[in-house]
Amino acid sequence: MPMTCETGRTLVVGLGNPLMADDGVGLAALERLREEYDVPAGVELEDGGTWGMMLLPSIEEAKELLLLDAVRTASPSGTLSLLGRDQLPLYFSHKISPHQIDMREVLAVADLRGKLPPRLAVVGVEPEVVEMRHSLSPSVECRVDDMVAAAVRQLAAWGHHCVLKQAEASCTR
């Protein structure tokens, strides 16, 4: 069950289904952000998976919302997108997987209730493959670090400065 973030906190949600190839890119980016950066107090990282309406309380209680996801923009696969609040209805209306219809509905319900966070952005990557498969396609996998960097930049623009963790001596990447 998703955790509810405290009122006024910044919420970063990774979305997608890791069993559907590139649809899982939002979760991969969230995990890499969690592994590689220390995020400041006041920023909550949440695995939103395919939770849909179960995310509504967390979203409504946030002052800032950053979504990480596969997003169809009719661009070549692997294209990175940063979408603002005014662009979301257009891109979230293109169905990639069942969770996106739910997310569009979650955002619409929060908006109708007057509780959509005033600051809202999506860092997305154009998927290449959305089919039953446990791995990201190469064109999407190579953009996960770029998604994380874009998320860190967006958080910094909102006043939240993430710090890169010290690499362990035995770790190679």
N, C-alpha and C. Protein backbone atom coordinates (compact mmCIF):
# COMPACT_ATOMS: atom_id res chain seq x y z
N MET A 1 0.84 -1.18 0.00
CA MET A 1 0.00 0.00 0.00
C MET A 1 0.88 1.24 0.00
N PRO A 2 0.59 2.23 -0.81
CA PRO A 2 1.41 3.43 -0.84
C PRO A 2 1.39 4.14 0.51
N MET A 3 2.52 4.78 0.82
CA MET A 3 2.59 5.56 2.05
C MET A 3 1.99 6.93 1.77
N THR A 4 1.38 7.50 2.78
CA THR A 4 0.84 8.84 2.65
C THR A 4 1.92 9.82 3.07
N CYS A 5 2.19 10.80 2.24
CA CYS A 5 3.22 11.76 2.59
C CYS A 5 2.59 12.86 3.43
N GLU A 6 3.43 13.46 4.28
CA GLU A 6 2.94 14.52 5.15
C GLU A 6 2.54 15.73 4.32
N THR A 7 1.56 16.45 4.80
CA THR A 7 1.07 17.64 4.11
C THR A 7 2.22 18.59 3.82
N GLY A 8 2.26 19.08 2.59
CA GLY A 8 3.26 20.05 2.22
C GLY A 8 4.58 19.46 1.77
N ARG A 9 4.70 18.17 1.71
CA ARG A 9 5.94 17.55 1.28
C ARG A 9 5.98 17.42 -0.24
N THR A 10 7.18 17.20 -0.73
CA THR A 10 7.38 16.96 -2.16
C THR A 10 7.37 15.46 -2.38
N LEU A 11 6.60 15.03 -3.35
CA LEU A 11 6.44 13.61 -3.62
C LEU A 11 6.99 13.28 -5.00
N VAL A 12 7.89 12.31 -5.05
CA VAL A 12 8.43 11.80 -6.31
C VAL A 12 7.89 10.38 -6.45
N VAL A 13 7.13 10.13 -7.53
CA VAL A 13 6.49 8.83 -7.71
C VAL A 13 7.00 8.18 -8.99
N GLY A 14 7.55 6.98 -8.85
CA GLY A 14 7.90 6.16 -10.01
C GLY A 14 6.67 5.35 -10.38
N LEU A 15 6.32 5.37 -11.67
CA LEU A 15 5.13 4.67 -12.15
C LEU A 15 5.52 3.59 -13.16
N GLY A 16 4.67 2.59 -13.29
CA GLY A 16 4.86 1.61 -14.34
C GLY A 16 4.76 0.19 -13.87
N ASN A 17 4.88 -0.69 -14.83
CA ASN A 17 4.81 -2.11 -14.58
C ASN A 17 6.10 -2.75 -15.08
N PRO A 18 6.98 -3.19 -14.18
CA PRO A 18 8.26 -3.76 -14.60
C PRO A 18 8.14 -5.08 -15.35
N LEU A 19 6.95 -5.65 -15.38
CA LEU A 19 6.74 -6.89 -16.14
C LEU A 19 6.39 -6.60 -17.59
N MET A 20 6.26 -5.30 -17.93
CA MET A 20 5.88 -4.90 -19.29
C MET A 20 6.99 -4.08 -19.95
N ALA A 21 8.21 -4.58 -19.87
CA ALA A 21 9.37 -3.98 -20.53
C ALA A 21 9.51 -2.50 -20.20
N ASP A 22 9.50 -1.64 -21.21
CA ASP A 22 9.79 -0.21 -21.03
C ASP A 22 8.77 0.51 -20.16
N ASP A 23 7.62 -0.08 -19.93
CA ASP A 23 6.64 0.53 -19.04
C ASP A 23 7.20 0.65 -17.63
N GLY A 24 8.22 -0.13 -17.30
CA GLY A 24 8.83 -0.10 -15.96
C GLY A 24 9.92 0.94 -15.78
N VAL A 25 10.15 1.80 -16.78
CA VAL A 25 11.27 2.75 -16.70
C VAL A 25 11.12 3.73 -15.54
N GLY A 26 9.92 4.12 -15.20
CA GLY A 26 9.73 5.04 -14.09
C GLY A 26 10.18 4.45 -12.77
N LEU A 27 9.92 3.16 -12.59
CA LEU A 27 10.36 2.48 -11.38
C LEU A 27 11.88 2.31 -11.36
N ALA A 28 12.47 2.03 -12.53
CA ALA A 28 13.92 1.90 -12.63
C ALA A 28 14.59 3.23 -12.28
N ALA A 29 14.04 4.33 -12.77
CA ALA A 29 14.60 5.65 -12.46
C ALA A 29 14.46 5.98 -10.98
N LEU A 30 13.31 5.67 -10.40
CA LEU A 30 13.10 5.92 -8.97
C LEU A 30 14.11 5.14 -8.14
N GLU A 31 14.32 3.87 -8.48
CA GLU A 31 15.25 3.04 -7.73
C GLU A 31 16.68 3.57 -7.85
N ARG A 32 17.06 4.00 -9.04
CA ARG A 32 18.40 4.56 -9.23
C ARG A 32 18.55 5.87 -8.45
N LEU A 33 17.52 6.70 -8.45
CA LEU A 33 17.55 7.93 -7.66
C LEU A 33 17.75 7.59 -6.18
N ARG A 34 17.02 6.61 -5.70
CA ARG A 34 17.10 6.18 -4.30
C ARG A 34 18.50 5.65 -3.97
N GLU A 35 19.07 4.86 -4.89
CA GLU A 35 20.39 4.26 -4.66
C GLU A 35 21.53 5.26 -4.74
N GLU A 36 21.44 6.23 -5.63
CA GLU A 36 22.59 7.08 -5.94
C GLU A 36 22.56 8.46 -5.28
N TYR A 37 21.42 8.88 -4.75
CA TYR A 37 21.32 10.22 -4.18
C TYR A 37 20.73 10.19 -2.78
N ASP A 38 21.22 11.13 -1.97
CA ASP A 38 20.56 11.43 -0.70
C ASP A 38 19.61 12.56 -1.01
N VAL A 39 18.33 12.33 -0.78
CA VAL A 39 17.35 13.40 -1.01
C VAL A 39 17.12 14.12 0.30
N PRO A 40 16.84 15.40 0.25
CA PRO A 40 16.66 16.17 1.49
C PRO A 40 15.37 15.81 2.20
N ALA A 41 15.34 16.17 3.48
CA ALA A 41 14.10 16.02 4.25
C ALA A 41 13.03 16.81 3.53
N GLY A 42 11.84 16.28 3.53
CA GLY A 42 10.75 16.97 2.85
C GLY A 42 10.49 16.42 1.47
N VAL A 43 11.35 15.52 0.99
CA VAL A 43 11.15 14.87 -0.30
C VAL A 43 10.94 13.39 -0.04
N GLU A 44 9.83 12.87 -0.52
CA GLU A 44 9.50 11.46 -0.34
C GLU A 44 9.53 10.75 -1.68
N LEU A 45 10.20 9.61 -1.72
CA LEU A 45 10.26 8.78 -2.92
C LEU A 45 9.28 7.63 -2.75
N GLU A 46 8.37 7.47 -3.72
CA GLU A 46 7.33 6.46 -3.59
C GLU A 46 7.24 5.60 -4.84
N ASP A 47 7.23 4.30 -4.64
CA ASP A 47 7.01 3.35 -5.72
C ASP A 47 5.51 3.31 -5.97
N GLY A 48 5.08 3.98 -7.05
CA GLY A 48 3.66 4.03 -7.36
C GLY A 48 3.19 2.88 -8.22
N GLY A 49 4.14 2.15 -8.82
CA GLY A 49 3.80 1.00 -9.64
C GLY A 49 2.58 1.23 -10.50
N THR A 50 1.58 0.41 -10.28
CA THR A 50 0.30 0.53 -10.99
C THR A 50 -0.82 0.78 -9.99
N TRP A 51 -0.52 1.51 -8.91
CA TRP A 51 -1.46 1.72 -7.82
C TRP A 51 -2.68 2.52 -8.21
N GLY A 52 -2.58 3.38 -9.18
CA GLY A 52 -3.75 4.13 -9.63
C GLY A 52 -4.37 4.97 -8.53
N MET A 53 -5.67 4.80 -8.31
CA MET A 53 -6.40 5.62 -7.35
C MET A 53 -5.89 5.48 -5.92
N MET A 54 -5.17 4.42 -5.63
CA MET A 54 -4.60 4.26 -4.29
C MET A 54 -3.57 5.36 -4.00
N LEU A 55 -3.06 6.02 -5.03
CA LEU A 55 -2.10 7.11 -4.86
C LEU A 55 -2.76 8.45 -4.54
N LEU A 56 -4.08 8.53 -4.68
CA LEU A 56 -4.78 9.81 -4.53
C LEU A 56 -4.48 10.52 -3.21
N PRO A 57 -4.53 9.85 -2.06
CA PRO A 57 -4.25 10.57 -0.81
C PRO A 57 -2.83 11.16 -0.78
N SER A 58 -1.86 10.40 -1.22
CA SER A 58 -0.48 10.89 -1.24
C SER A 58 -0.34 12.10 -2.15
N ILE A 59 -0.95 12.02 -3.31
CA ILE A 59 -0.87 13.11 -4.29
C ILE A 59 -1.57 14.35 -3.76
N GLU A 60 -2.74 14.18 -3.18
CA GLU A 60 -3.49 15.34 -2.69
C GLU A 60 -2.82 16.02 -1.51
N GLU A 61 -2.00 15.31 -0.77
CA GLU A 61 -1.34 15.89 0.40
C GLU A 61 0.01 16.51 0.06
N ALA A 62 0.46 16.36 -1.16
CA ALA A 62 1.76 16.91 -1.57
C ALA A 62 1.61 18.35 -2.03
N LYS A 63 2.67 19.13 -1.85
CA LYS A 63 2.67 20.49 -2.41
C LYS A 63 3.35 20.49 -3.77
N GLU A 64 4.22 19.50 -3.99
CA GLU A 64 4.91 19.34 -5.27
C GLU A 64 4.89 17.87 -5.63
N LEU A 65 4.65 17.59 -6.91
CA LEU A 65 4.55 16.21 -7.38
C LEU A 65 5.40 16.05 -8.63
N LEU A 66 6.32 15.10 -8.57
CA LEU A 66 7.16 14.75 -9.71
C LEU A 66 6.92 13.29 -10.05
N LEU A 67 6.44 13.04 -11.26
CA LEU A 67 6.16 11.69 -11.72
C LEU A 67 7.26 11.23 -12.66
N LEU A 68 7.71 9.98 -12.51
CA LEU A 68 8.69 9.36 -13.39
C LEU A 68 7.99 8.22 -14.10
N ASP A 69 8.01 8.24 -15.45
CA ASP A 69 7.19 7.27 -16.16
C ASP A 69 7.60 7.14 -17.62
N ALA A 70 7.12 6.11 -18.26
CA ALA A 70 7.17 5.99 -19.72
C ALA A 70 6.04 6.84 -20.26
N VAL A 71 6.35 7.70 -21.22
CA VAL A 71 5.35 8.64 -21.75
C VAL A 71 5.44 8.67 -23.26
N ARG A 72 4.31 8.43 -23.90
CA ARG A 72 4.27 8.49 -25.37
C ARG A 72 4.05 9.94 -25.81
N THR A 73 5.02 10.44 -26.59
CA THR A 73 4.94 11.80 -27.12
C THR A 73 5.09 11.78 -28.64
N ALA A 74 5.03 10.61 -29.26
CA ALA A 74 5.22 10.43 -30.70
C ALA A 74 6.64 10.79 -31.12
N SER A 75 7.58 10.66 -30.20
CA SER A 75 9.00 10.89 -30.46
C SER A 75 9.69 9.55 -30.63
N PRO A 76 10.92 9.55 -31.11
CA PRO A 76 11.67 8.29 -31.20
C PRO A 76 11.85 7.65 -29.82
N SER A 77 11.91 6.32 -29.78
CA SER A 77 12.08 5.64 -28.50
C SER A 77 13.35 6.14 -27.83
N GLY A 78 13.26 6.27 -26.51
CA GLY A 78 14.39 6.76 -25.73
C GLY A 78 14.41 8.27 -25.57
N THR A 79 13.50 8.98 -26.23
CA THR A 79 13.46 10.44 -26.11
C THR A 79 13.02 10.83 -24.71
N LEU A 80 13.82 11.68 -24.08
CA LEU A 80 13.51 12.17 -22.74
C LEU A 80 12.58 13.37 -22.84
N SER A 81 11.58 13.42 -21.97
CA SER A 81 10.63 14.54 -21.94
C SER A 81 10.49 15.04 -20.52
N LEU A 82 10.40 16.36 -20.39
CA LEU A 82 10.03 16.98 -19.14
C LEU A 82 8.74 17.73 -19.42
N LEU A 83 7.67 17.27 -18.80
CA LEU A 83 6.35 17.84 -19.07
C LEU A 83 5.86 18.60 -17.85
N GLY A 84 5.30 19.75 -18.10
CA GLY A 84 4.71 20.55 -17.04
C GLY A 84 3.25 20.21 -16.85
N ARG A 85 2.67 20.76 -15.83
CA ARG A 85 1.28 20.49 -15.47
C ARG A 85 0.31 20.69 -16.64
N ASP A 86 0.52 21.75 -17.43
CA ASP A 86 -0.39 22.05 -18.53
C ASP A 86 -0.28 21.07 -19.69
N GLN A 87 0.79 20.28 -19.76
CA GLN A 87 0.97 19.32 -20.84
C GLN A 87 0.45 17.92 -20.51
N LEU A 88 0.16 17.66 -19.27
CA LEU A 88 -0.18 16.30 -18.86
C LEU A 88 -1.45 15.74 -19.47
N PRO A 89 -2.54 16.46 -19.55
CA PRO A 89 -3.74 15.84 -20.12
C PRO A 89 -3.51 15.30 -21.53
N LEU A 90 -2.72 16.01 -22.32
CA LEU A 90 -2.45 15.58 -23.68
C LEU A 90 -1.68 14.26 -23.70
N TYR A 91 -0.60 14.18 -22.95
CA TYR A 91 0.24 13.00 -23.04
C TYR A 91 -0.26 11.83 -22.21
N PHE A 92 -0.90 12.09 -21.09
CA PHE A 92 -1.42 10.98 -20.31
C PHE A 92 -2.70 10.42 -20.92
N SER A 93 -3.25 11.07 -21.93
CA SER A 93 -4.44 10.52 -22.57
C SER A 93 -4.09 9.42 -23.58
N HIS A 94 -2.81 9.27 -23.91
CA HIS A 94 -2.37 8.20 -24.80
C HIS A 94 -2.08 6.97 -23.96
N LYS A 95 -2.84 5.93 -24.18
CA LYS A 95 -2.72 4.73 -23.36
C LYS A 95 -1.48 3.93 -23.73
N ILE A 96 -0.64 3.70 -22.74
CA ILE A 96 0.48 2.78 -22.90
C ILE A 96 0.14 1.49 -22.15
N SER A 97 -0.36 1.66 -20.94
CA SER A 97 -0.68 0.51 -20.10
C SER A 97 -1.82 0.91 -19.17
N PRO A 98 -2.41 -0.05 -18.49
CA PRO A 98 -3.56 0.26 -17.63
C PRO A 98 -3.28 1.31 -16.56
N HIS A 99 -2.05 1.40 -16.03
CA HIS A 99 -1.82 2.36 -14.96
C HIS A 99 -1.95 3.80 -15.45
N GLN A 100 -1.73 4.06 -16.72
CA GLN A 100 -1.80 5.45 -17.18
C GLN A 100 -3.22 5.98 -17.18
N ILE A 101 -4.17 5.18 -17.56
CA ILE A 101 -5.55 5.64 -17.47
C ILE A 101 -5.85 5.97 -16.02
N ASP A 102 -5.41 5.14 -15.10
CA ASP A 102 -5.61 5.40 -13.69
C ASP A 102 -4.93 6.69 -13.27
N MET A 103 -3.70 6.94 -13.74
CA MET A 103 -2.99 8.16 -13.33
C MET A 103 -3.70 9.39 -13.87
N ARG A 104 -4.15 9.33 -15.10
CA ARG A 104 -4.90 10.47 -15.64
C ARG A 104 -6.13 10.73 -14.79
N GLU A 105 -6.82 9.67 -14.43
CA GLU A 105 -8.00 9.80 -13.59
C GLU A 105 -7.65 10.31 -12.20
N VAL A 106 -6.55 9.83 -11.63
CA VAL A 106 -6.12 10.30 -10.31
C VAL A 106 -5.85 11.79 -10.36
N LEU A 107 -5.12 12.24 -11.36
CA LEU A 107 -4.81 13.67 -11.48
C LEU A 107 -6.09 14.48 -11.70
N ALA A 108 -7.01 13.94 -12.50
CA ALA A 108 -8.27 14.65 -12.76
C ALA A 108 -9.11 14.76 -11.48
N VAL A 109 -9.17 13.68 -10.71
CA VAL A 109 -9.94 13.70 -9.47
C VAL A 109 -9.32 14.70 -8.48
N ALA A 110 -7.99 14.66 -8.35
CA ALA A 110 -7.32 15.61 -7.45
C ALA A 110 -7.59 17.05 -7.90
N ASP A 111 -7.57 17.27 -9.22
CA ASP A 111 -7.82 18.60 -9.75
C ASP A 111 -9.27 19.02 -9.47
N LEU A 112 -10.22 18.14 -9.72
CA LEU A 112 -11.64 18.45 -9.47
C LEU A 112 -11.90 18.77 -8.00
N ARG A 113 -11.16 18.12 -7.13
CA ARG A 113 -11.33 18.34 -5.69
C ARG A 113 -10.52 19.55 -5.21
N GLY A 114 -9.79 20.20 -6.15
CA GLY A 114 -8.99 21.36 -5.78
C GLY A 114 -7.74 21.01 -4.99
N LYS A 115 -7.27 19.77 -5.14
CA LYS A 115 -6.14 19.31 -4.34
C LYS A 115 -4.96 18.84 -5.18
N LEU A 116 -4.96 19.16 -6.47
CA LEU A 116 -3.82 18.81 -7.30
C LEU A 116 -2.66 19.70 -6.89
N PRO A 117 -1.48 19.13 -6.62
CA PRO A 117 -0.36 19.96 -6.19
C PRO A 117 -0.11 21.10 -7.18
N PRO A 118 0.16 22.29 -6.65
CA PRO A 118 0.40 23.45 -7.53
C PRO A 118 1.63 23.27 -8.42
N ARG A 119 2.62 22.57 -7.92
CA ARG A 119 3.81 22.27 -8.72
C ARG A 119 3.76 20.81 -9.11
N LEU A 120 3.75 20.57 -10.42
CA LEU A 120 3.58 19.22 -10.95
C LEU A 120 4.39 19.08 -12.23
N ALA A 121 5.18 18.03 -12.30
CA ALA A 121 5.97 17.77 -13.51
C ALA A 121 6.13 16.27 -13.71
N VAL A 122 6.41 15.91 -14.95
CA VAL A 122 6.67 14.51 -15.30
C VAL A 122 8.01 14.45 -16.02
N VAL A 123 8.85 13.53 -15.59
CA VAL A 123 10.04 13.18 -16.35
C VAL A 123 9.72 11.84 -16.98
N GLY A 124 9.71 11.82 -18.31
CA GLY A 124 9.33 10.61 -19.01
C GLY A 124 10.30 10.26 -20.12
N VAL A 125 10.21 9.02 -20.54
CA VAL A 125 10.98 8.52 -21.67
C VAL A 125 10.02 7.81 -22.61
N GLU A 126 10.19 8.08 -23.89
CA GLU A 126 9.39 7.41 -24.92
C GLU A 126 9.75 5.92 -24.93
N PRO A 127 8.78 5.05 -24.70
CA PRO A 127 9.07 3.60 -24.71
C PRO A 127 9.27 3.07 -26.13
N GLU A 128 10.03 2.00 -26.22
CA GLU A 128 10.19 1.29 -27.49
C GLU A 128 9.32 0.04 -27.50
N VAL A 129 9.31 -0.67 -26.37
CA VAL A 129 8.61 -1.94 -26.27
C VAL A 129 7.76 -1.95 -25.01
N VAL A 130 6.47 -2.23 -25.17
CA VAL A 130 5.58 -2.44 -24.03
C VAL A 130 4.90 -3.78 -24.28
N GLU A 131 5.53 -4.80 -23.74
CA GLU A 131 5.04 -6.17 -23.88
C GLU A 131 5.57 -6.96 -22.70
N MET A 132 5.04 -8.14 -22.49
CA MET A 132 5.45 -8.96 -21.37
C MET A 132 6.94 -9.30 -21.51
N ARG A 133 7.74 -8.62 -20.70
CA ARG A 133 9.19 -8.83 -20.70
C ARG A 133 9.74 -8.17 -19.44
N HIS A 134 10.74 -8.76 -18.85
CA HIS A 134 11.27 -8.27 -17.56
C HIS A 134 12.40 -7.26 -17.69
N SER A 135 12.75 -6.84 -18.89
CA SER A 135 13.87 -5.92 -19.02
C SER A 135 13.50 -4.75 -19.93
N LEU A 136 14.20 -3.64 -19.71
CA LEU A 136 14.02 -2.47 -20.55
C LEU A 136 14.73 -2.67 -21.87
N SER A 137 14.22 -2.06 -22.92
CA SER A 137 14.91 -2.11 -24.21
C SER A 137 16.18 -1.25 -24.11
N PRO A 138 17.19 -1.52 -24.93
CA PRO A 138 18.44 -0.75 -24.85
C PRO A 138 18.23 0.76 -25.02
N SER A 139 17.33 1.17 -25.91
CA SER A 139 17.12 2.61 -26.14
C SER A 139 16.52 3.31 -24.93
N VAL A 140 15.84 2.57 -24.08
CA VAL A 140 15.25 3.14 -22.87
C VAL A 140 16.19 2.97 -21.68
N GLU A 141 16.81 1.82 -21.55
CA GLU A 141 17.75 1.56 -20.46
C GLU A 141 18.86 2.61 -20.42
N CYS A 142 19.35 3.01 -21.59
CA CYS A 142 20.44 3.98 -21.62
C CYS A 142 19.99 5.38 -21.23
N ARG A 143 18.70 5.60 -21.03
CA ARG A 143 18.19 6.92 -20.65
C ARG A 143 17.79 7.02 -19.17
N VAL A 144 17.92 5.92 -18.43
CA VAL A 144 17.53 5.94 -17.02
C VAL A 144 18.36 6.98 -16.24
N ASP A 145 19.67 7.02 -16.48
CA ASP A 145 20.51 8.01 -15.80
C ASP A 145 20.08 9.43 -16.17
N ASP A 146 19.69 9.63 -17.42
CA ASP A 146 19.22 10.95 -17.85
C ASP A 146 17.91 11.31 -17.16
N MET A 147 17.03 10.33 -16.96
CA MET A 147 15.79 10.58 -16.22
C MET A 147 16.10 11.02 -14.80
N VAL A 148 17.04 10.32 -14.16
CA VAL A 148 17.42 10.65 -12.79
C VAL A 148 18.00 12.07 -12.74
N ALA A 149 18.88 12.38 -13.67
CA ALA A 149 19.48 13.72 -13.71
C ALA A 149 18.40 14.79 -13.90
N ALA A 150 17.43 14.53 -14.77
CA ALA A 150 16.33 15.48 -14.99
C ALA A 150 15.48 15.63 -13.72
N ALA A 151 15.26 14.52 -13.02
CA ALA A 151 14.50 14.58 -11.77
C ALA A 151 15.26 15.40 -10.72
N VAL A 152 16.56 15.20 -10.63
CA VAL A 152 17.39 15.95 -9.68
C VAL A 152 17.35 17.44 -10.02
N ARG A 153 17.43 17.77 -11.32
CA ARG A 153 17.34 19.18 -11.73
C ARG A 153 15.98 19.78 -11.39
N GLN A 154 14.91 19.02 -11.61
CA GLN A 154 13.57 19.53 -11.30
C GLN A 154 13.42 19.76 -9.80
N LEU A 155 13.89 18.81 -9.01
CA LEU A 155 13.83 18.99 -7.56
C LEU A 155 14.64 20.21 -7.12
N ALA A 156 15.81 20.42 -7.73
CA ALA A 156 16.63 21.59 -7.41
C ALA A 156 15.89 22.88 -7.77
N ALA A 157 15.18 22.87 -8.90
CA ALA A 157 14.40 24.05 -9.31
C ALA A 157 13.31 24.36 -8.29
N TRP A 158 12.85 23.34 -7.59
CA TRP A 158 11.85 23.53 -6.54
C TRP A 158 12.49 23.80 -5.18
N GLY A 159 13.83 23.89 -5.14
CA GLY A 159 14.53 24.20 -3.89
C GLY A 159 15.00 23.00 -3.10
N HIS A 160 14.98 21.82 -3.69
CA HIS A 160 15.40 20.59 -3.01
C HIS A 160 16.68 20.08 -3.67
N HIS A 161 17.79 20.19 -2.96
CA HIS A 161 19.08 19.83 -3.55
C HIS A 161 19.49 18.43 -3.11
N CYS A 162 19.49 17.52 -4.06
CA CYS A 162 19.88 16.13 -3.82
C CYS A 162 21.41 16.05 -3.89
N VAL A 163 21.99 15.19 -3.07
CA VAL A 163 23.43 15.04 -3.01
C VAL A 163 23.80 13.64 -3.48
N LEU A 164 24.72 13.59 -4.43
CA LEU A 164 25.20 12.31 -4.94
C LEU A 164 25.90 11.56 -3.81
N LYS A 165 25.54 10.31 -3.59
CA LYS A 165 26.17 9.50 -2.56
C LYS A 165 27.59 9.17 -2.97
N GLN A 166 28.42 8.95 -2.01
CA GLN A 166 29.81 8.56 -2.28
C GLN A 166 29.81 7.16 -2.87
N ALA A 167 30.53 6.99 -3.97
CA ALA A 167 30.64 5.67 -4.59
C ALA A 167 31.52 4.80 -3.70
N GLU A 168 31.13 3.56 -3.55
CA GLU A 168 31.92 2.62 -2.77
C GLU A 168 33.13 2.20 -3.60
N ALA A 169 34.25 1.97 -2.95
CA ALA A 169 35.49 1.63 -3.64
C ALA A 169 35.35 0.38 -4.50
N SER A 170 34.55 -0.57 -4.04
CA SER A 170 34.41 -1.83 -4.78
C SER A 170 33.34 -1.76 -5.87
N CYS A 171 32.66 -0.65 -5.95
CA CYS A 171 31.56 -0.52 -6.92
C CYS A 171 32.07 -0.04 -8.25
N THR A 172 31.73 -0.73 -9.31
CA THR A 172 32.07 -0.28 -10.65
C THR A 172 30.78 -0.14 -11.43
N ARG A 173 30.73 0.87 -12.23
CA ARG A 173 29.53 1.11 -13.04
C ARG A 173 29.92 1.45 -14.42
